[in-house]
C-alpha cells in the first residue's frame, strides 16, 4: 500500500465517498501540504455510470498502470477532499499526466462558468 502522504497527482485510490456509505475510486488531482494539517488529497470521483454529458471516459490507454476493472468515467464536478489515511482504503492505479490534466482543466472550467 502506498502511504497516504506519498500519494501523487494522477493516482487513483479507493476512498471514502462523502455522499454515501460506501467507498469509490477517486482520482487525486492535488496534494497540498499544510504546516498544521499535513497532506490533503483533492480528488475527483470516478463512476462506472455515464449519466452526464460532461463526464470524461477513462480509456485503457489513459492509465499509467492497469486499468480499472470496468469502463469508468471521471466526474470533474464531483470533488472531495480526503484529510487523512483513514479515508483511503487502498491505492488502485494511476492515470497518465495528460488525462489527469484533462480532468483538472474540466474541473476549473466547471467551477468558473
Protein backbone atom coordinates (compact mmCIF):
# COMPACT_ATOMS: atom_id res chain seq x y z
CA UNK A 1 0.00 0.00 0.00
CA UNK A 2 1.23 3.45 -0.87
CA UNK A 3 1.35 5.66 2.23
CA UNK A 4 -1.20 8.49 2.36
CA UNK A 5 1.45 11.20 2.27
CA UNK A 6 3.19 9.52 -0.70
CA UNK A 7 0.15 9.62 -3.00
CA UNK A 8 0.58 11.84 -6.05
CA UNK A 9 -1.44 13.68 -8.65
CA UNK A 10 -2.82 11.11 -11.09
CA UNK A 11 -3.11 8.28 -8.56
CA UNK A 12 -6.45 6.54 -8.23
CA UNK A 13 -7.40 5.39 -4.74
CA UNK A 14 -10.39 3.68 -3.18
CA UNK A 15 -11.62 6.33 -0.78
CA UNK A 16 -14.49 7.34 1.47
CA UNK A 17 -17.37 8.77 -0.58
CA UNK A 18 -18.72 11.79 1.31
CA UNK A 19 -22.16 11.30 -0.26
CA UNK A 20 -22.76 7.63 0.54
CA UNK A 21 -21.96 4.84 2.98
CA UNK A 22 -19.72 3.06 0.51
CA UNK A 23 -16.35 3.83 -0.98
CA UNK A 24 -15.49 4.55 -4.59
CA UNK A 25 -12.50 5.18 -6.85
CA UNK A 26 -11.16 8.72 -6.67
CA UNK A 27 -8.60 10.45 -8.86
CA UNK A 28 -6.04 12.54 -6.97
CA UNK A 29 -5.83 15.99 -8.61
CA UNK A 30 -3.78 17.76 -5.97
CA UNK A 31 -1.80 17.03 -2.82
CA UNK A 32 -1.33 20.32 -0.97
CA UNK A 33 0.70 20.19 2.26
CA UNK A 34 -0.11 22.40 5.20
CA UNK A 35 2.09 23.08 8.22
CA UNK A 36 -0.65 22.37 10.77
CA UNK A 37 -2.77 19.86 8.86
CA UNK A 38 -0.33 17.86 6.74
CA UNK A 39 -1.31 16.48 3.35
CA UNK A 40 -4.79 16.77 1.92
CA UNK A 41 -5.87 14.95 -1.22
CA UNK A 42 -8.07 16.91 -3.63
CA UNK A 43 -9.91 14.24 -5.61
CA UNK A 44 -12.45 13.85 -8.40
CA UNK A 45 -14.90 11.00 -8.03
CA UNK A 46 -14.93 8.17 -10.58
CA UNK A 47 -18.05 6.23 -11.58
CA UNK A 48 -18.86 3.26 -13.77
CA UNK A 49 -22.05 5.05 -14.88
CA UNK A 50 -22.10 7.69 -17.59
CA UNK A 51 -25.14 9.73 -16.65
CA UNK A 52 -23.79 13.17 -17.51
CA UNK A 53 -22.51 14.55 -20.81
CA UNK A 54 -19.59 16.26 -19.04
CA UNK A 55 -18.15 13.05 -17.57
CA UNK A 56 -14.78 12.04 -19.01
CA UNK A 57 -14.40 8.46 -20.19
CA UNK A 58 -11.27 6.72 -18.93
CA UNK A 59 -9.90 4.58 -21.77
CA UNK A 60 -7.37 1.80 -21.31
CA UNK A 61 -4.63 4.00 -22.79
CA UNK A 62 -5.36 6.70 -20.18
CA UNK A 63 -3.90 4.54 -17.42
CA UNK A 64 -0.26 4.51 -16.44
CA UNK A 65 -0.88 1.26 -14.57
CA UNK A 66 -3.54 -1.39 -15.01
CA UNK A 67 -6.98 -0.04 -15.99
CA UNK A 68 -9.87 -0.26 -13.56
CA UNK A 69 -11.93 -3.43 -13.92
CA UNK A 70 -14.85 -1.88 -15.80
CA UNK A 71 -15.31 1.15 -18.05
CA UNK A 72 -15.11 4.21 -15.81
CA UNK A 73 -15.77 7.92 -16.02
CA UNK A 74 -14.19 10.82 -14.15
CA UNK A 75 -16.73 13.26 -12.74
CA UNK A 76 -14.83 16.58 -12.65
CA UNK A 77 -17.69 18.47 -10.97
CA UNK A 78 -17.82 15.97 -8.11
CA UNK A 79 -14.81 16.57 -5.87
CA UNK A 80 -13.88 15.52 -2.36
CA UNK A 81 -11.03 16.41 -0.04
CA UNK A 82 -9.51 13.50 1.86
CA UNK A 83 -7.77 14.64 5.02
CA UNK A 84 -6.13 11.54 6.46
CA UNK A 85 -5.19 7.93 5.85
CA UNK A 86 -8.43 6.58 7.35
CA UNK A 87 -10.28 8.00 4.33
CA UNK A 88 -8.20 5.97 1.84
CA UNK A 89 -8.59 2.20 1.79
CA UNK A 90 -6.02 1.43 -0.90
CA UNK A 91 -4.14 2.60 -3.99
CA UNK A 92 -5.63 1.20 -7.22
CA UNK A 93 -3.70 2.53 -10.24
CA UNK A 94 -2.69 5.82 -11.91
CA UNK A 95 -3.65 7.90 -14.93
CA UNK A 96 -1.19 9.37 -17.40
CA UNK A 97 -0.45 13.07 -16.86
CA UNK A 98 -2.35 14.19 -19.97
CA UNK A 99 -5.64 12.61 -18.86
CA UNK A 100 -5.22 13.89 -15.30
CA UNK A 101 -4.69 17.37 -16.80
CA UNK A 102 -7.92 16.94 -18.83
CA UNK A 103 -9.90 16.23 -15.66
CA UNK A 104 -8.29 19.17 -13.82
CA UNK A 105 -8.98 21.55 -16.71
CA UNK A 106 -12.60 20.42 -16.91
CA UNK A 107 -12.96 20.97 -13.15
CA UNK A 108 -11.63 24.53 -13.45
CA UNK A 109 -13.94 25.20 -16.42
CA UNK A 110 -16.88 23.84 -14.44
CA UNK A 111 -16.33 25.91 -11.29
CA UNK A 112 -15.56 29.13 -13.19
CA UNK A 113 -18.56 29.01 -15.55
